[in-house]
Amino acid sequence: MKIIRTDDFERAFQKLPKEIQRIYFLQEKRFGANWRDPRLHIKKVQELGYALSFRITRRYRTFFYFQNRETAIFFDIDHRKDIYR
């Protein structure tokens, strides 16, 4: 699976604590190997019909959508209390 991170994603990522960044890379690796891995806890984002989210930790999420069968666009990452606004 090819993963493309938007500029907005990259800016939000840089603001995260270093420990969350480290865990994110583990989850991204899992996503690339098998995006249906149950450890990702993928769910639809109700407010954005096309978007999905996966869990980094219990408190942090990544928003993404599929551009096609082989490409996922990661467009936001943040604490769950803020990302759903």
PDB file of N, CA and C in Angstrom:
ATOM      1  N   MET A   1       0.854  -1.178   0.000  1.00  0.00           N
ATOM      2  CA  MET A   1       0.000   0.000   0.000  1.00  0.00           C
ATOM      3  C   MET A   1       0.895   1.234   0.000  1.00  0.00           C
ATOM      4  N   LYS A   2       0.649   2.116  -0.928  1.00  0.00           N
ATOM      5  CA  LYS A   2       1.380   3.377  -0.989  1.00  0.00           C
ATOM      6  C   LYS A   2       0.661   4.395  -0.103  1.00  0.00           C
ATOM      7  N   ILE A   3       1.416   5.107   0.712  1.00  0.00           N
ATOM      8  CA  ILE A   3       0.855   6.101   1.629  1.00  0.00           C
ATOM      9  C   ILE A   3       1.398   7.475   1.236  1.00  0.00           C
ATOM     10  N   ILE A   4       0.470   8.410   1.042  1.00  0.00           N
ATOM     11  CA  ILE A   4       0.835   9.795   0.740  1.00  0.00           C
ATOM     12  C   ILE A   4       0.370  10.651   1.912  1.00  0.00           C
ATOM     13  N   ARG A   5       1.282  11.432   2.466  1.00  0.00           N
ATOM     14  CA  ARG A   5       0.942  12.332   3.579  1.00  0.00           C
ATOM     15  C   ARG A   5       0.833  13.755   3.038  1.00  0.00           C
ATOM     16  N   THR A   6      -0.273  14.417   3.320  1.00  0.00           N
ATOM     17  CA  THR A   6      -0.458  15.795   2.863  1.00  0.00           C
ATOM     18  C   THR A   6       0.407  16.738   3.698  1.00  0.00           C
ATOM     19  N   ASP A   7       0.549  17.962   3.204  1.00  0.00           N
ATOM     20  CA  ASP A   7       1.303  18.975   3.956  1.00  0.00           C
ATOM     21  C   ASP A   7       0.630  19.269   5.297  1.00  0.00           C
ATOM     22  N   ASP A   8      -0.707  19.312   5.316  1.00  0.00           N
ATOM     23  CA  ASP A   8      -1.437  19.530   6.574  1.00  0.00           C
ATOM     24  C   ASP A   8      -1.136  18.414   7.566  1.00  0.00           C
ATOM     25  N   PHE A   9      -1.090  17.191   7.069  1.00  0.00           N
ATOM     26  CA  PHE A   9      -0.758  16.054   7.928  1.00  0.00           C
ATOM     27  C   PHE A   9       0.637  16.227   8.510  1.00  0.00           C
ATOM     28  N   GLU A  10       1.596  16.571   7.669  1.00  0.00           N
ATOM     29  CA  GLU A  10       2.981  16.718   8.125  1.00  0.00           C
ATOM     30  C   GLU A  10       3.115  17.807   9.187  1.00  0.00           C
ATOM     31  N   ARG A  11       2.422  18.930   9.004  1.00  0.00           N
ATOM     32  CA  ARG A  11       2.475  20.008  10.002  1.00  0.00           C
ATOM     33  C   ARG A  11       1.882  19.539  11.337  1.00  0.00           C
ATOM     34  N   ALA A  12       0.745  18.853  11.282  1.00  0.00           N
ATOM     35  CA  ALA A  12       0.113  18.352  12.507  1.00  0.00           C
ATOM     36  C   ALA A  12       0.997  17.298  13.176  1.00  0.00           C
ATOM     37  N   PHE A  13       1.628  16.454  12.370  1.00  0.00           N
ATOM     38  CA  PHE A  13       2.496  15.409  12.898  1.00  0.00           C
ATOM     39  C   PHE A  13       3.665  15.995  13.680  1.00  0.00           C
ATOM     40  N   GLN A  14       4.260  17.067  13.178  1.00  0.00           N
ATOM     41  CA  GLN A  14       5.412  17.685  13.840  1.00  0.00           C
ATOM     42  C   GLN A  14       5.066  18.239  15.221  1.00  0.00           C
ATOM     43  N   LYS A  15       3.807  18.537  15.454  1.00  0.00           N
ATOM     44  CA  LYS A  15       3.360  19.084  16.741  1.00  0.00           C
ATOM     45  C   LYS A  15       3.089  18.000  17.787  1.00  0.00           C
ATOM     46  N   LEU A  16       3.071  16.751  17.382  1.00  0.00           N
ATOM     47  CA  LEU A  16       2.770  15.659  18.302  1.00  0.00           C
ATOM     48  C   LEU A  16       3.954  15.369  19.225  1.00  0.00           C
ATOM     49  N   PRO A  17       3.662  14.823  20.415  1.00  0.00           N
ATOM     50  CA  PRO A  17       4.758  14.378  21.291  1.00  0.00           C
ATOM     51  C   PRO A  17       5.596  13.298  20.605  1.00  0.00           C
ATOM     52  N   LYS A  18       6.865  13.244  20.908  1.00  0.00           N
ATOM     53  CA  LYS A  18       7.789  12.300  20.270  1.00  0.00           C
ATOM     54  C   LYS A  18       7.352  10.847  20.459  1.00  0.00           C
ATOM     55  N   GLU A  19       6.819  10.517  21.612  1.00  0.00           N
ATOM     56  CA  GLU A  19       6.370   9.142  21.856  1.00  0.00           C
ATOM     57  C   GLU A  19       5.217   8.772  20.933  1.00  0.00           C
ATOM     58  N   ILE A  20       4.305   9.691  20.681  1.00  0.00           N
ATOM     59  CA  ILE A  20       3.182   9.438  19.772  1.00  0.00           C
ATOM     60  C   ILE A  20       3.702   9.300  18.344  1.00  0.00           C
ATOM     61  N   GLN A  21       4.685  10.099  17.974  1.00  0.00           N
ATOM     62  CA  GLN A  21       5.288   9.979  16.649  1.00  0.00           C
ATOM     63  C   GLN A  21       5.906   8.600  16.459  1.00  0.00           C
ATOM     64  N   ARG A  22       6.582   8.118  17.474  1.00  0.00           N
ATOM     65  CA  ARG A  22       7.213   6.785  17.402  1.00  0.00           C
ATOM     66  C   ARG A  22       6.161   5.700  17.209  1.00  0.00           C
ATOM     67  N   ILE A  23       5.081   5.765  17.976  1.00  0.00           N
ATOM     68  CA  ILE A  23       4.011   4.769  17.866  1.00  0.00           C
ATOM     69  C   ILE A  23       3.311   4.879  16.514  1.00  0.00           C
ATOM     70  N   TYR A  24       3.172   6.116  16.021  1.00  0.00           N
ATOM     71  CA  TYR A  24       2.556   6.309  14.706  1.00  0.00           C
ATOM     72  C   TYR A  24       3.292   5.500  13.639  1.00  0.00           C
ATOM     73  N   PHE A  25       4.623   5.554  13.643  1.00  0.00           N
ATOM     74  CA  PHE A  25       5.391   4.842  12.614  1.00  0.00           C
ATOM     75  C   PHE A  25       5.155   3.332  12.681  1.00  0.00           C
ATOM     76  N   LEU A  26       4.982   2.788  13.861  1.00  0.00           N
ATOM     77  CA  LEU A  26       4.636   1.381  14.006  1.00  0.00           C
ATOM     78  C   LEU A  26       3.270   1.104  13.362  1.00  0.00           C
ATOM     79  N   GLN A  27       2.288   1.952  13.653  1.00  0.00           N
ATOM     80  CA  GLN A  27       0.955   1.776  13.091  1.00  0.00           C
ATOM     81  C   GLN A  27       0.957   1.981  11.574  1.00  0.00           C
ATOM     82  N   GLU A  28       1.747   2.926  11.090  1.00  0.00           N
ATOM     83  CA  GLU A  28       1.824   3.133   9.643  1.00  0.00           C
ATOM     84  C   GLU A  28       2.393   1.897   8.952  1.00  0.00           C
ATOM     85  N   LYS A  29       3.382   1.287   9.574  1.00  0.00           N
ATOM     86  CA  LYS A  29       3.969   0.059   9.021  1.00  0.00           C
ATOM     87  C   LYS A  29       2.917  -1.044   8.954  1.00  0.00           C
ATOM     88  N   ARG A  30       2.123  -1.183  10.002  1.00  0.00           N
ATOM     89  CA  ARG A  30       1.028  -2.163   9.999  1.00  0.00           C
ATOM     90  C   ARG A  30       0.029  -1.850   8.890  1.00  0.00           C
ATOM     91  N   PHE A  31      -0.307  -0.565   8.746  1.00  0.00           N
ATOM     92  CA  PHE A  31      -1.249  -0.139   7.712  1.00  0.00           C
ATOM     93  C   PHE A  31      -0.719  -0.514   6.331  1.00  0.00           C
ATOM     94  N   GLY A  32       0.549  -0.245   6.080  1.00  0.00           N
ATOM     95  CA  GLY A  32       1.142  -0.554   4.784  1.00  0.00           C
ATOM     96  C   GLY A  32       1.149  -2.034   4.469  1.00  0.00           C
ATOM     97  N   ALA A  33       1.341  -2.852   5.487  1.00  0.00           N
ATOM     98  CA  ALA A  33       1.364  -4.304   5.297  1.00  0.00           C
ATOM     99  C   ALA A  33      -0.037  -4.871   5.105  1.00  0.00           C
ATOM    100  N   ASN A  34      -0.993  -4.376   5.887  1.00  0.00           N
ATOM    101  CA  ASN A  34      -2.369  -4.869   5.815  1.00  0.00           C
ATOM    102  C   ASN A  34      -3.282  -3.834   6.448  1.00  0.00           C
ATOM    103  N   TRP A  35      -3.921  -3.025   5.629  1.00  0.00           N
ATOM    104  CA  TRP A  35      -4.745  -1.943   6.165  1.00  0.00           C
ATOM    105  C   TRP A  35      -5.951  -2.457   6.942  1.00  0.00           C
ATOM    106  N   ARG A  36      -6.256  -3.718   6.842  1.00  0.00           N
ATOM    107  CA  ARG A  36      -7.386  -4.295   7.594  1.00  0.00           C
ATOM    108  C   ARG A  36      -6.958  -4.931   8.918  1.00  0.00           C
ATOM    109  N   ASP A  37      -5.735  -4.709   9.319  1.00  0.00           N
ATOM    110  CA  ASP A  37      -5.225  -5.241  10.582  1.00  0.00           C
ATOM    111  C   ASP A  37      -6.122  -4.744  11.720  1.00  0.00           C
ATOM    112  N   PRO A  38      -6.662  -5.648  12.528  1.00  0.00           N
ATOM    113  CA  PRO A  38      -7.584  -5.228  13.598  1.00  0.00           C
ATOM    114  C   PRO A  38      -6.945  -4.337  14.660  1.00  0.00           C
ATOM    115  N   ARG A  39      -5.624  -4.340  14.759  1.00  0.00           N
ATOM    116  CA  ARG A  39      -4.948  -3.475  15.734  1.00  0.00           C
ATOM    117  C   ARG A  39      -5.038  -2.002  15.358  1.00  0.00           C
ATOM    118  N   LEU A  40      -5.443  -1.707  14.129  1.00  0.00           N
ATOM    119  CA  LEU A  40      -5.592  -0.317  13.684  1.00  0.00           C
ATOM    120  C   LEU A  40      -6.938   0.285  14.092  1.00  0.00           C
ATOM    121  N   HIS A  41      -7.927  -0.562  14.347  1.00  0.00           N
ATOM    122  CA  HIS A  41      -9.260  -0.080  14.736  1.00  0.00           C
ATOM    123  C   HIS A  41      -9.801   0.930  13.721  1.00  0.00           C
ATOM    124  N   ILE A  42      -9.823   0.558  12.458  1.00  0.00           N
ATOM    125  CA  ILE A  42     -10.291   1.462  11.401  1.00  0.00           C
ATOM    126  C   ILE A  42     -11.800   1.640  11.481  1.00  0.00           C
ATOM    127  N   LYS A  43     -12.217   2.906  11.371  1.00  0.00           N
ATOM    128  CA  LYS A  43     -13.647   3.239  11.416  1.00  0.00           C
ATOM    129  C   LYS A  43     -13.938   4.368  10.432  1.00  0.00           C
ATOM    130  N   LYS A  44     -15.182   4.422   9.974  1.00  0.00           N
ATOM    131  CA  LYS A  44     -15.620   5.526   9.128  1.00  0.00           C
ATOM    132  C   LYS A  44     -15.782   6.768   9.987  1.00  0.00           C
ATOM    133  N   VAL A  45     -15.478   7.913   9.397  1.00  0.00           N
ATOM    134  CA  VAL A  45     -15.686   9.192  10.070  1.00  0.00           C
ATOM    135  C   VAL A  45     -17.054   9.693   9.616  1.00  0.00           C
ATOM    136  N   GLN A  46     -18.015   9.718  10.516  1.00  0.00           N
ATOM    137  CA  GLN A  46     -19.394  10.046  10.158  1.00  0.00           C
ATOM    138  C   GLN A  46     -19.535  11.436   9.537  1.00  0.00           C
ATOM    139  N   GLU A  47     -18.794  12.407  10.037  1.00  0.00           N
ATOM    140  CA  GLU A  47     -18.904  13.780   9.551  1.00  0.00           C
ATOM    141  C   GLU A  47     -18.341  13.946   8.145  1.00  0.00           C
ATOM    142  N   LEU A  48     -17.421  13.066   7.756  1.00  0.00           N
ATOM    143  CA  LEU A  48     -16.785  13.103   6.435  1.00  0.00           C
ATOM    144  C   LEU A  48     -17.053  11.767   5.758  1.00  0.00           C
ATOM    145  N   GLY A  49     -18.012  11.742   4.890  1.00  0.00           N
ATOM    146  CA  GLY A  49     -18.455  10.490   4.286  1.00  0.00           C
ATOM    147  C   GLY A  49     -17.377   9.661   3.617  1.00  0.00           C
ATOM    148  N   TYR A  50     -16.359  10.297   3.080  1.00  0.00           N
ATOM    149  CA  TYR A  50     -15.316   9.588   2.350  1.00  0.00           C
ATOM    150  C   TYR A  50     -14.152   9.160   3.243  1.00  0.00           C
ATOM    151  N   ALA A  51     -14.072   9.686   4.452  1.00  0.00           N
ATOM    152  CA  ALA A  51     -12.877   9.508   5.285  1.00  0.00           C
ATOM    153  C   ALA A  51     -13.008   8.346   6.256  1.00  0.00           C
ATOM    154  N   LEU A  52     -11.855   7.821   6.608  1.00  0.00           N
ATOM    155  CA  LEU A  52     -11.730   6.764   7.607  1.00  0.00           C
ATOM    156  C   LEU A  52     -10.698   7.237   8.629  1.00  0.00           C
ATOM    157  N   SER A  53     -10.690   6.573   9.782  1.00  0.00           N
ATOM    158  CA  SER A  53      -9.666   6.884  10.775  1.00  0.00           C
ATOM    159  C   SER A  53      -9.067   5.583  11.292  1.00  0.00           C
ATOM    160  N   PHE A  54      -7.828   5.675  11.740  1.00  0.00           N
ATOM    161  CA  PHE A  54      -7.256   4.539  12.470  1.00  0.00           C
ATOM    162  C   PHE A  54      -6.589   5.048  13.731  1.00  0.00           C
ATOM    163  N   ARG A  55      -6.515   4.160  14.686  1.00  0.00           N
ATOM    164  CA  ARG A  55      -6.033   4.496  16.019  1.00  0.00           C
ATOM    165  C   ARG A  55      -4.513   4.398  16.078  1.00  0.00           C
ATOM    166  N   ILE A  56      -3.911   5.423  16.647  1.00  0.00           N
ATOM    167  CA  ILE A  56      -2.483   5.380  16.962  1.00  0.00           C
ATOM    168  C   ILE A  56      -2.350   4.891  18.394  1.00  0.00           C
ATOM    169  N   THR A  57      -3.036   5.561  19.296  1.00  0.00           N
ATOM    170  CA  THR A  57      -3.190   5.124  20.686  1.00  0.00           C
ATOM    171  C   THR A  57      -4.665   5.313  21.009  1.00  0.00           C
ATOM    172  N   ARG A  58      -5.035   5.091  22.231  1.00  0.00           N
ATOM    173  CA  ARG A  58      -6.427   5.314  22.610  1.00  0.00           C
ATOM    174  C   ARG A  58      -6.835   6.772  22.411  1.00  0.00           C
ATOM    175  N   ARG A  59      -5.875   7.686  22.457  1.00  0.00           N
ATOM    176  CA  ARG A  59      -6.185   9.109  22.385  1.00  0.00           C
ATOM    177  C   ARG A  59      -5.878   9.777  21.048  1.00  0.00           C
ATOM    178  N   TYR A  60      -5.074   9.163  20.201  1.00  0.00           N
ATOM    179  CA  TYR A  60      -4.665   9.806  18.950  1.00  0.00           C
ATOM    180  C   TYR A  60      -5.165   9.023  17.742  1.00  0.00           C
ATOM    181  N   ARG A  61      -5.572   9.787  16.697  1.00  0.00           N
ATOM    182  CA  ARG A  61      -6.124   9.202  15.482  1.00  0.00           C
ATOM    183  C   ARG A  61      -5.476   9.802  14.249  1.00  0.00           C
ATOM    184  N   THR A  62      -5.509   9.037  13.170  1.00  0.00           N
ATOM    185  CA  THR A  62      -5.112   9.505  11.846  1.00  0.00           C
ATOM    186  C   THR A  62      -6.317   9.417  10.929  1.00  0.00           C
ATOM    187  N   PHE A  63      -6.589  10.475  10.178  1.00  0.00           N
ATOM    188  CA  PHE A  63      -7.656  10.485   9.183  1.00  0.00           C
ATOM    189  C   PHE A  63      -7.037  10.236   7.806  1.00  0.00           C
ATOM    190  N   PHE A  64      -7.724   9.420   7.011  1.00  0.00           N
ATOM    191  CA  PHE A  64      -7.234   9.105   5.669  1.00  0.00           C
ATOM    192  C   PHE A  64      -8.397   8.742   4.760  1.00  0.00           C
ATOM    193  N   TYR A  65      -8.108   8.669   3.478  1.00  0.00           N
ATOM    194  CA  TYR A  65      -9.052   8.131   2.504  1.00  0.00           C
ATOM    195  C   TYR A  65      -8.250   7.418   1.429  1.00  0.00           C
ATOM    196  N   PHE A  66      -8.939   6.575   0.672  1.00  0.00           N
ATOM    197  CA  PHE A  66      -8.284   5.839  -0.399  1.00  0.00           C
ATOM    198  C   PHE A  66      -8.426   6.605  -1.709  1.00  0.00           C
ATOM    199  N   GLN A  67      -7.298   6.878  -2.348  1.00  0.00           N
ATOM    200  CA  GLN A  67      -7.317   7.511  -3.656  1.00  0.00           C
ATOM    201  C   GLN A  67      -7.677   6.460  -4.713  1.00  0.00           C
ATOM    202  N   ASN A  68      -7.150   5.258  -4.528  1.00  0.00           N
ATOM    203  CA  ASN A  68      -7.473   4.097  -5.355  1.00  0.00           C
ATOM    204  C   ASN A  68      -7.122   2.857  -4.542  1.00  0.00           C
ATOM    205  N   ARG A  69      -7.137   1.700  -5.159  1.00  0.00           N
ATOM    206  CA  ARG A  69      -6.900   0.451  -4.410  1.00  0.00           C
ATOM    207  C   ARG A  69      -5.495   0.349  -3.812  1.00  0.00           C
ATOM    208  N   GLU A  70      -4.541   1.034  -4.405  1.00  0.00           N
ATOM    209  CA  GLU A  70      -3.155   0.919  -3.957  1.00  0.00           C
ATOM    210  C   GLU A  70      -2.635   2.137  -3.202  1.00  0.00           C
ATOM    211  N   THR A  71      -3.434   3.200  -3.082  1.00  0.00           N
ATOM    212  CA  THR A  71      -2.937   4.449  -2.508  1.00  0.00           C
ATOM    213  C   THR A  71      -3.870   4.999  -1.449  1.00  0.00           C
ATOM    214  N   ALA A  72      -3.317   5.322  -0.287  1.00  0.00           N
ATOM    215  CA  ALA A  72      -4.067   5.961   0.797  1.00  0.00           C
ATOM    216  C   ALA A  72      -3.488   7.353   1.025  1.00  0.00           C
ATOM    217  N   ILE A  73      -4.377   8.319   1.214  1.00  0.00           N
ATOM    218  CA  ILE A  73      -3.979   9.694   1.485  1.00  0.00           C
ATOM    219  C   ILE A  73      -4.230   9.975   2.965  1.00  0.00           C
ATOM    220  N   PHE A  74      -3.168  10.241   3.719  1.00  0.00           N
ATOM    221  CA  PHE A  74      -3.286  10.614   5.128  1.00  0.00           C
ATOM    222  C   PHE A  74      -3.357  12.130   5.183  1.00  0.00           C
ATOM    223  N   PHE A  75      -4.466  12.666   5.720  1.00  0.00           N
ATOM    224  CA  PHE A  75      -4.638  14.117   5.671  1.00  0.00           C
ATOM    225  C   PHE A  75      -4.756  14.799   7.019  1.00  0.00           C
ATOM    226  N   ASP A  76      -4.855  14.060   8.117  1.00  0.00           N
ATOM    227  CA  ASP A  76      -4.880  14.705   9.428  1.00  0.00           C
ATOM    228  C   ASP A  76      -4.481  13.707  10.499  1.00  0.00           C
ATOM    229  N   ILE A  77      -3.917  14.230  11.574  1.00  0.00           N
ATOM    230  CA  ILE A  77      -3.514  13.429  12.723  1.00  0.00           C
ATOM    231  C   ILE A  77      -3.599  14.337  13.942  1.00  0.00           C
ATOM    232  N   ASP A  78      -4.229  13.844  15.007  1.00  0.00           N
ATOM    233  CA  ASP A  78      -4.380  14.685  16.193  1.00  0.00           C
ATOM    234  C   ASP A  78      -4.996  13.874  17.327  1.00  0.00           C
ATOM    235  N   HIS A  79      -5.111  14.533  18.467  1.00  0.00           N
ATOM    236  CA  HIS A  79      -5.798  13.971  19.626  1.00  0.00           C
ATOM    237  C   HIS A  79      -7.272  13.801  19.264  1.00  0.00           C
ATOM    238  N   ARG A  80      -7.902  12.762  19.728  1.00  0.00           N
ATOM    239  CA  ARG A  80      -9.283  12.485  19.323  1.00  0.00           C
ATOM    240  C   ARG A  80     -10.266  13.566  19.762  1.00  0.00           C
ATOM    241  N   LYS A  81      -9.976  14.278  20.838  1.00  0.00           N
ATOM    242  CA  LYS A  81     -10.887  15.353  21.260  1.00  0.00           C
ATOM    243  C   LYS A  81     -10.849  16.527  20.291  1.00  0.00           C
ATOM    244  N   ASP A  82      -9.748  16.667  19.535  1.00  0.00           N
ATOM    245  CA  ASP A  82      -9.606  17.783  18.600  1.00  0.00           C
ATOM    246  C   ASP A  82      -9.857  17.396  17.145  1.00  0.00           C
ATOM    247  N   ILE A  83      -9.536  16.198  16.766  1.00  0.00           N
ATOM    248  CA  ILE A  83      -9.597  15.820  15.346  1.00  0.00           C
ATOM    249  C   ILE A  83     -11.034  15.725  14.826  1.00  0.00           C
ATOM    250  N   TYR A  84     -11.986  15.418  15.674  1.00  0.00           N
ATOM    251  CA  TYR A  84     -13.365  15.266  15.220  1.00  0.00           C
ATOM    252  C   TYR A  84     -14.113  16.597  15.136  1.00  0.00           C
ATOM    253  N   ARG A  85     -13.465  17.703  15.409  1.00  0.00           N
ATOM    254  CA  ARG A  85     -14.118  19.024  15.339  1.00  0.00           C
ATOM    255  C   ARG A  85     -14.177  19.516  13.918  1.00  0.00           C
TER     256      ARG A  85
END
